[in-house]
Amino acid sequence: CFDEILLTQLDNKLAMLSSQTTLIVLHLMG
């Protein structure tokens, strides 16, 4: 998959933050 697909998952996570500190790791195909 092209790496743009990761942006959807980023949106989903940002829409439902549950903690004061959040770390999101995106592993690219690059």
PDB file of all heavy atoms in Angstrom:
ATOM      1  N   CYS A   1       0.855  -1.188   0.000  1.00  0.00           N
ATOM      2  CA  CYS A   1       0.000   0.000   0.000  1.00  0.00           C
ATOM      3  C   CYS A   1       0.889   1.236   0.000  1.00  0.00           C
ATOM      4  O   CYS A   1       1.977   1.231   0.587  1.00  0.00           O
ATOM      5  CB  CYS A   1      -0.895   0.042   1.240  1.00  0.00           C
ATOM      6  SG  CYS A   1      -2.089  -1.306   1.358  1.00  0.00           S
ATOM      7  N   PHE A   2       0.436   2.290  -0.654  1.00  0.00           N
ATOM      8  CA  PHE A   2       1.135   3.560  -0.577  1.00  0.00           C
ATOM      9  C   PHE A   2       1.002   4.103   0.852  1.00  0.00           C
ATOM     10  O   PHE A   2      -0.009   3.895   1.524  1.00  0.00           O
ATOM     11  CB  PHE A   2       0.565   4.556  -1.578  1.00  0.00           C
ATOM     12  CG  PHE A   2       0.751   4.153  -3.018  1.00  0.00           C
ATOM     13  CD1 PHE A   2      -0.325   4.151  -3.898  1.00  0.00           C
ATOM     14  CD2 PHE A   2       1.995   3.774  -3.488  1.00  0.00           C
ATOM     15  CE1 PHE A   2      -0.162   3.777  -5.219  1.00  0.00           C
ATOM     16  CE2 PHE A   2       2.178   3.387  -4.811  1.00  0.00           C
ATOM     17  CZ  PHE A   2       1.092   3.389  -5.683  1.00  0.00           C
ATOM     18  N   ASP A   3       2.016   4.825   1.301  1.00  0.00           N
ATOM     19  CA  ASP A   3       2.075   5.249   2.698  1.00  0.00           C
ATOM     20  C   ASP A   3       0.979   6.238   3.103  1.00  0.00           C
ATOM     21  O   ASP A   3       0.745   6.440   4.295  1.00  0.00           O
ATOM     22  CB  ASP A   3       3.453   5.844   3.008  1.00  0.00           C
ATOM     23  CG  ASP A   3       4.521   4.769   3.145  1.00  0.00           C
ATOM     24  OD1 ASP A   3       4.194   3.680   3.651  1.00  0.00           O
ATOM     25  OD2 ASP A   3       5.680   5.014   2.753  1.00  0.00           O
ATOM     26  N   GLU A   4       0.299   6.824   2.131  1.00  0.00           N
ATOM     27  CA  GLU A   4      -0.834   7.704   2.456  1.00  0.00           C
ATOM     28  C   GLU A   4      -1.889   6.992   3.285  1.00  0.00           C
ATOM     29  O   GLU A   4      -2.650   7.630   4.025  1.00  0.00           O
ATOM     30  CB  GLU A   4      -1.490   8.211   1.171  1.00  0.00           C
ATOM     31  CG  GLU A   4      -0.806   9.356   0.495  1.00  0.00           C
ATOM     32  CD  GLU A   4      -1.505   9.702  -0.816  1.00  0.00           C
ATOM     33  OE1 GLU A   4      -2.508  10.448  -0.772  1.00  0.00           O
ATOM     34  OE2 GLU A   4      -1.047   9.224  -1.864  1.00  0.00           O
ATOM     35  N   ILE A   5      -1.939   5.681   3.154  1.00  0.00           N
ATOM     36  CA  ILE A   5      -2.962   4.918   3.865  1.00  0.00           C
ATOM     37  C   ILE A   5      -2.824   5.062   5.375  1.00  0.00           C
ATOM     38  O   ILE A   5      -3.797   4.889   6.124  1.00  0.00           O
ATOM     39  CB  ILE A   5      -2.914   3.432   3.435  1.00  0.00           C
ATOM     40  CG1 ILE A   5      -4.245   2.757   3.757  1.00  0.00           C
ATOM     41  CG2 ILE A   5      -1.733   2.711   4.091  1.00  0.00           C
ATOM     42  CD1 ILE A   5      -4.414   1.401   3.102  1.00  0.00           C
ATOM     43  N   LEU A   6      -1.635   5.393   5.837  1.00  0.00           N
ATOM     44  CA  LEU A   6      -1.404   5.581   7.272  1.00  0.00           C
ATOM     45  C   LEU A   6      -2.134   6.810   7.815  1.00  0.00           C
ATOM     46  O   LEU A   6      -2.433   6.891   9.013  1.00  0.00           O
ATOM     47  CB  LEU A   6       0.102   5.719   7.546  1.00  0.00           C
ATOM     48  CG  LEU A   6       0.954   4.470   7.274  1.00  0.00           C
ATOM     49  CD1 LEU A   6       2.429   4.845   7.259  1.00  0.00           C
ATOM     50  CD2 LEU A   6       0.686   3.402   8.316  1.00  0.00           C
ATOM     51  N   LEU A   7      -2.417   7.763   6.951  1.00  0.00           N
ATOM     52  CA  LEU A   7      -3.042   9.012   7.391  1.00  0.00           C
ATOM     53  C   LEU A   7      -4.456   8.774   7.916  1.00  0.00           C
ATOM     54  O   LEU A   7      -4.907   9.478   8.829  1.00  0.00           O
ATOM     55  CB  LEU A   7      -3.060  10.021   6.237  1.00  0.00           C
ATOM     56  CG  LEU A   7      -1.687  10.407   5.678  1.00  0.00           C
ATOM     57  CD1 LEU A   7      -1.844  11.341   4.485  1.00  0.00           C
ATOM     58  CD2 LEU A   7      -0.821  11.053   6.756  1.00  0.00           C
ATOM     59  N   THR A   8      -5.154   7.795   7.367  1.00  0.00           N
ATOM     60  CA  THR A   8      -6.500   7.464   7.843  1.00  0.00           C
ATOM     61  C   THR A   8      -6.447   6.978   9.286  1.00  0.00           C
ATOM     62  O   THR A   8      -7.266   7.373  10.130  1.00  0.00           O
ATOM     63  CB  THR A   8      -7.145   6.387   6.947  1.00  0.00           C
ATOM     64  OG1 THR A   8      -7.190   6.866   5.614  1.00  0.00           O
ATOM     65  CG2 THR A   8      -8.545   6.043   7.434  1.00  0.00           C
ATOM     66  N   GLN A   9      -5.472   6.117   9.571  1.00  0.00           N
ATOM     67  CA  GLN A   9      -5.320   5.618  10.939  1.00  0.00           C
ATOM     68  C   GLN A   9      -4.918   6.739  11.892  1.00  0.00           C
ATOM     69  O   GLN A   9      -5.334   6.746  13.060  1.00  0.00           O
ATOM     70  CB  GLN A   9      -4.285   4.483  10.970  1.00  0.00           C
ATOM     71  CG  GLN A   9      -4.672   3.250  10.178  1.00  0.00           C
ATOM     72  CD  GLN A   9      -5.944   2.602  10.682  1.00  0.00           C
ATOM     73  OE1 GLN A   9      -6.281   2.706  11.869  1.00  0.00           O
ATOM     74  NE2 GLN A   9      -6.659   1.914   9.794  1.00  0.00           N
ATOM     75  N   LEU A  10      -4.115   7.680  11.409  1.00  0.00           N
ATOM     76  CA  LEU A  10      -3.742   8.830  12.235  1.00  0.00           C
ATOM     77  C   LEU A  10      -4.985   9.657  12.570  1.00  0.00           C
ATOM     78  O   LEU A  10      -5.185  10.067  13.721  1.00  0.00           O
ATOM     79  CB  LEU A  10      -2.707   9.689  11.503  1.00  0.00           C
ATOM     80  CG  LEU A  10      -2.291  10.992  12.196  1.00  0.00           C
ATOM     81  CD1 LEU A  10      -1.672  10.709  13.563  1.00  0.00           C
ATOM     82  CD2 LEU A  10      -1.315  11.776  11.322  1.00  0.00           C
ATOM     83  N   ASP A  11      -5.823   9.913  11.570  1.00  0.00           N
ATOM     84  CA  ASP A  11      -7.073  10.654  11.801  1.00  0.00           C
ATOM     85  C   ASP A  11      -7.946   9.950  12.831  1.00  0.00           C
ATOM     86  O   ASP A  11      -8.516  10.593  13.729  1.00  0.00           O
ATOM     87  CB  ASP A  11      -7.851  10.803  10.487  1.00  0.00           C
ATOM     88  CG  ASP A  11      -7.252  11.838   9.560  1.00  0.00           C
ATOM     89  OD1 ASP A  11      -6.564  12.755  10.048  1.00  0.00           O
ATOM     90  OD2 ASP A  11      -7.462  11.731   8.341  1.00  0.00           O
ATOM     91  N   ASN A  12      -8.052   8.645  12.681  1.00  0.00           N
ATOM     92  CA  ASN A  12      -8.894   7.874  13.600  1.00  0.00           C
ATOM     93  C   ASN A  12      -8.404   7.992  15.040  1.00  0.00           C
ATOM     94  O   ASN A  12      -9.204   8.139  15.967  1.00  0.00           O
ATOM     95  CB  ASN A  12      -8.926   6.397  13.193  1.00  0.00           C
ATOM     96  CG  ASN A  12      -9.633   6.178  11.874  1.00  0.00           C
ATOM     97  OD1 ASN A  12     -10.385   7.032  11.405  1.00  0.00           O
ATOM     98  ND2 ASN A  12      -9.385   5.032  11.253  1.00  0.00           N
ATOM     99  N   LYS A  13      -7.088   7.944  15.213  1.00  0.00           N
ATOM    100  CA  LYS A  13      -6.532   8.016  16.563  1.00  0.00           C
ATOM    101  C   LYS A  13      -6.686   9.420  17.142  1.00  0.00           C
ATOM    102  O   LYS A  13      -7.033   9.584  18.328  1.00  0.00           O
ATOM    103  CB  LYS A  13      -5.053   7.610  16.529  1.00  0.00           C
ATOM    104  CG  LYS A  13      -4.414   7.523  17.916  1.00  0.00           C
ATOM    105  CD  LYS A  13      -5.099   6.475  18.772  1.00  0.00           C
ATOM    106  CE  LYS A  13      -4.495   6.385  20.155  1.00  0.00           C
ATOM    107  NZ  LYS A  13      -5.222   5.421  21.019  1.00  0.00           N
ATOM    108  N   LEU A  14      -6.434  10.438  16.335  1.00  0.00           N
ATOM    109  CA  LEU A  14      -6.560  11.812  16.825  1.00  0.00           C
ATOM    110  C   LEU A  14      -8.009  12.133  17.217  1.00  0.00           C
ATOM    111  O   LEU A  14      -8.256  12.983  18.079  1.00  0.00           O
ATOM    112  CB  LEU A  14      -6.082  12.800  15.758  1.00  0.00           C
ATOM    113  CG  LEU A  14      -4.588  12.800  15.446  1.00  0.00           C
ATOM    114  CD1 LEU A  14      -4.278  13.775  14.319  1.00  0.00           C
ATOM    115  CD2 LEU A  14      -3.757  13.137  16.682  1.00  0.00           C
ATOM    116  N   ALA A  15      -8.958  11.444  16.608  1.00  0.00           N
ATOM    117  CA  ALA A  15     -10.371  11.706  16.884  1.00  0.00           C
ATOM    118  C   ALA A  15     -10.829  11.119  18.217  1.00  0.00           C
ATOM    119  O   ALA A  15     -11.910  11.458  18.706  1.00  0.00           O
ATOM    120  CB  ALA A  15     -11.232  11.151  15.757  1.00  0.00           C
ATOM    121  N   MET A  16     -10.022  10.234  18.780  1.00  0.00           N
ATOM    122  CA  MET A  16     -10.433   9.606  20.047  1.00  0.00           C
ATOM    123  C   MET A  16      -9.238   9.399  20.980  1.00  0.00           C
ATOM    124  O   MET A  16      -8.928   8.272  21.366  1.00  0.00           O
ATOM    125  CB  MET A  16     -11.154   8.285  19.785  1.00  0.00           C
ATOM    126  CG  MET A  16     -10.431   7.336  18.846  1.00  0.00           C
ATOM    127  SD  MET A  16     -11.391   5.839  18.579  1.00  0.00           S
ATOM    128  CE  MET A  16     -10.233   4.865  17.609  1.00  0.00           C
ATOM    129  N   LEU A  17      -8.593  10.497  21.339  1.00  0.00           N
ATOM    130  CA  LEU A  17      -7.493  10.439  22.296  1.00  0.00           C
ATOM    131  C   LEU A  17      -8.035  10.110  23.679  1.00  0.00           C
ATOM    132  O   LEU A  17      -9.004  10.721  24.138  1.00  0.00           O
ATOM    133  CB  LEU A  17      -6.748  11.772  22.333  1.00  0.00           C
ATOM    134  CG  LEU A  17      -6.028  12.192  21.043  1.00  0.00           C
ATOM    135  CD1 LEU A  17      -5.340  13.526  21.241  1.00  0.00           C
ATOM    136  CD2 LEU A  17      -5.026  11.135  20.590  1.00  0.00           C
ATOM    137  N   SER A  18      -7.412   9.164  24.336  1.00  0.00           N
ATOM    138  CA  SER A  18      -7.915   8.713  25.640  1.00  0.00           C
ATOM    139  C   SER A  18      -6.967   9.033  26.790  1.00  0.00           C
ATOM    140  O   SER A  18      -7.328   8.872  27.953  1.00  0.00           O
ATOM    141  CB  SER A  18      -8.166   7.201  25.599  1.00  0.00           C
ATOM    142  OG  SER A  18      -6.969   6.511  25.254  1.00  0.00           O
ATOM    143  N   SER A  19      -5.754   9.469  26.470  1.00  0.00           N
ATOM    144  CA  SER A  19      -4.772   9.728  27.520  1.00  0.00           C
ATOM    145  C   SER A  19      -4.188  11.121  27.369  1.00  0.00           C
ATOM    146  O   SER A  19      -4.293  11.752  26.313  1.00  0.00           O
ATOM    147  CB  SER A  19      -3.644   8.695  27.454  1.00  0.00           C
ATOM    148  OG  SER A  19      -4.138   7.391  27.628  1.00  0.00           O
ATOM    149  N   GLN A  20      -3.557  11.567  28.444  1.00  0.00           N
ATOM    150  CA  GLN A  20      -2.943  12.888  28.397  1.00  0.00           C
ATOM    151  C   GLN A  20      -1.756  12.909  27.433  1.00  0.00           C
ATOM    152  O   GLN A  20      -1.520  13.900  26.738  1.00  0.00           O
ATOM    153  CB  GLN A  20      -2.479  13.302  29.793  1.00  0.00           C
ATOM    154  CG  GLN A  20      -1.933  14.720  29.836  1.00  0.00           C
ATOM    155  CD  GLN A  20      -1.549  15.140  31.229  1.00  0.00           C
ATOM    156  OE1 GLN A  20      -0.905  14.386  31.931  1.00  0.00           O
ATOM    157  NE2 GLN A  20      -1.940  16.344  31.623  1.00  0.00           N
ATOM    158  N   THR A  21      -1.035  11.801  27.364  1.00  0.00           N
ATOM    159  CA  THR A  21       0.109  11.708  26.453  1.00  0.00           C
ATOM    160  C   THR A  21      -0.093  10.534  25.499  1.00  0.00           C
ATOM    161  O   THR A  21      -0.389   9.416  25.930  1.00  0.00           O
ATOM    162  CB  THR A  21       1.428  11.515  27.228  1.00  0.00           C
ATOM    163  OG1 THR A  21       1.593  12.605  28.149  1.00  0.00           O
ATOM    164  CG2 THR A  21       2.617  11.486  26.275  1.00  0.00           C
ATOM    165  N   THR A  22       0.051  10.798  24.219  1.00  0.00           N
ATOM    166  CA  THR A  22      -0.157   9.772  23.189  1.00  0.00           C
ATOM    167  C   THR A  22       1.057   9.697  22.275  1.00  0.00           C
ATOM    168  O   THR A  22       1.573  10.723  21.836  1.00  0.00           O
ATOM    169  CB  THR A  22      -1.403  10.089  22.342  1.00  0.00           C
ATOM    170  OG1 THR A  22      -2.552  10.177  23.201  1.00  0.00           O
ATOM    171  CG2 THR A  22      -1.644   9.018  21.286  1.00  0.00           C
ATOM    172  N   LEU A  23       1.504   8.481  22.007  1.00  0.00           N
ATOM    173  CA  LEU A  23       2.582   8.249  21.046  1.00  0.00           C
ATOM    174  C   LEU A  23       2.040   7.378  19.921  1.00  0.00           C
ATOM    175  O   LEU A  23       1.556   6.264  20.151  1.00  0.00           O
ATOM    176  CB  LEU A  23       3.778   7.544  21.707  1.00  0.00           C
ATOM    177  CG  LEU A  23       4.880   7.054  20.760  1.00  0.00           C
ATOM    178  CD1 LEU A  23       5.518   8.203  19.989  1.00  0.00           C
ATOM    179  CD2 LEU A  23       5.950   6.266  21.522  1.00  0.00           C
ATOM    180  N   ILE A  24       2.090   7.904  18.707  1.00  0.00           N
ATOM    181  CA  ILE A  24       1.647   7.160  17.522  1.00  0.00           C
ATOM    182  C   ILE A  24       2.869   6.921  16.641  1.00  0.00           C
ATOM    183  O   ILE A  24       3.516   7.871  16.195  1.00  0.00           O
ATOM    184  CB  ILE A  24       0.587   7.951  16.731  1.00  0.00           C
ATOM    185  CG1 ILE A  24      -0.590   8.338  17.642  1.00  0.00           C
ATOM    186  CG2 ILE A  24       0.099   7.154  15.530  1.00  0.00           C
ATOM    187  CD1 ILE A  24      -1.483   9.400  17.060  1.00  0.00           C
ATOM    188  N   VAL A  25       3.201   5.662  16.414  1.00  0.00           N
ATOM    189  CA  VAL A  25       4.340   5.315  15.568  1.00  0.00           C
ATOM    190  C   VAL A  25       3.815   4.854  14.211  1.00  0.00           C
ATOM    191  O   VAL A  25       3.018   3.914  14.137  1.00  0.00           O
ATOM    192  CB  VAL A  25       5.210   4.204  16.198  1.00  0.00           C
ATOM    193  CG1 VAL A  25       6.447   3.950  15.330  1.00  0.00           C
ATOM    194  CG2 VAL A  25       5.633   4.578  17.613  1.00  0.00           C
ATOM    195  N   LEU A  26       4.248   5.530  13.155  1.00  0.00           N
ATOM    196  CA  LEU A  26       3.863   5.170  11.793  1.00  0.00           C
ATOM    197  C   LEU A  26       5.073   4.557  11.093  1.00  0.00           C
ATOM    198  O   LEU A  26       6.097   5.219  10.917  1.00  0.00           O
ATOM    199  CB  LEU A  26       3.386   6.407  11.024  1.00  0.00           C
ATOM    200  CG  LEU A  26       2.243   7.216  11.658  1.00  0.00           C
ATOM    201  CD1 LEU A  26       1.918   8.433  10.796  1.00  0.00           C
ATOM    202  CD2 LEU A  26       1.002   6.356  11.866  1.00  0.00           C
ATOM    203  N   HIS A  27       4.958   3.301  10.712  1.00  0.00           N
ATOM    204  CA  HIS A  27       6.069   2.599  10.057  1.00  0.00           C
ATOM    205  C   HIS A  27       5.841   2.608   8.547  1.00  0.00           C
ATOM    206  O   HIS A  27       4.958   1.919   8.033  1.00  0.00           O
ATOM    207  CB  HIS A  27       6.167   1.167  10.584  1.00  0.00           C
ATOM    208  CG  HIS A  27       7.421   0.460  10.180  1.00  0.00           C
ATOM    209  ND1 HIS A  27       7.610  -0.906  10.342  1.00  0.00           N
ATOM    210  CD2 HIS A  27       8.577   0.918   9.624  1.00  0.00           C
ATOM    211  CE1 HIS A  27       8.806  -1.241   9.899  1.00  0.00           C
ATOM    212  NE2 HIS A  27       9.407  -0.163   9.451  1.00  0.00           N
ATOM    213  N   LEU A  28       6.631   3.400   7.842  1.00  0.00           N
ATOM    214  CA  LEU A  28       6.458   3.579   6.406  1.00  0.00           C
ATOM    215  C   LEU A  28       7.032   2.420   5.594  1.00  0.00           C
ATOM    216  O   LEU A  28       7.970   1.747   6.026  1.00  0.00           O
ATOM    217  CB  LEU A  28       7.145   4.863   5.936  1.00  0.00           C
ATOM    218  CG  LEU A  28       6.781   6.205   6.582  1.00  0.00           C
ATOM    219  CD1 LEU A  28       7.487   7.332   5.841  1.00  0.00           C
ATOM    220  CD2 LEU A  28       5.294   6.435   6.601  1.00  0.00           C
ATOM    221  N   MET A  29       6.500   2.248   4.382  1.00  0.00           N
ATOM    222  CA  MET A  29       7.151   1.413   3.375  1.00  0.00           C
ATOM    223  C   MET A  29       8.269   2.208   2.716  1.00  0.00           C
ATOM    224  O   MET A  29       9.259   1.655   2.245  1.00  0.00           O
ATOM    225  CB  MET A  29       6.133   0.929   2.339  1.00  0.00           C
ATOM    226  CG  MET A  29       6.717   0.032   1.257  1.00  0.00           C
ATOM    227  SD  MET A  29       7.609  -1.417   1.876  1.00  0.00           S
ATOM    228  CE  MET A  29       6.264  -2.456   2.396  1.00  0.00           C
ATOM    229  N   GLY A  30       8.098   3.534   2.693  1.00  0.00           N
ATOM    230  CA  GLY A  30       9.165   4.451   2.308  1.00  0.00           C
ATOM    231  C   GLY A  30       9.802   4.202   0.965  1.00  0.00           C
ATOM    232  O   GLY A  30       9.156   4.265  -0.077  1.00  0.00           O
TER     233      GLY A  30
END
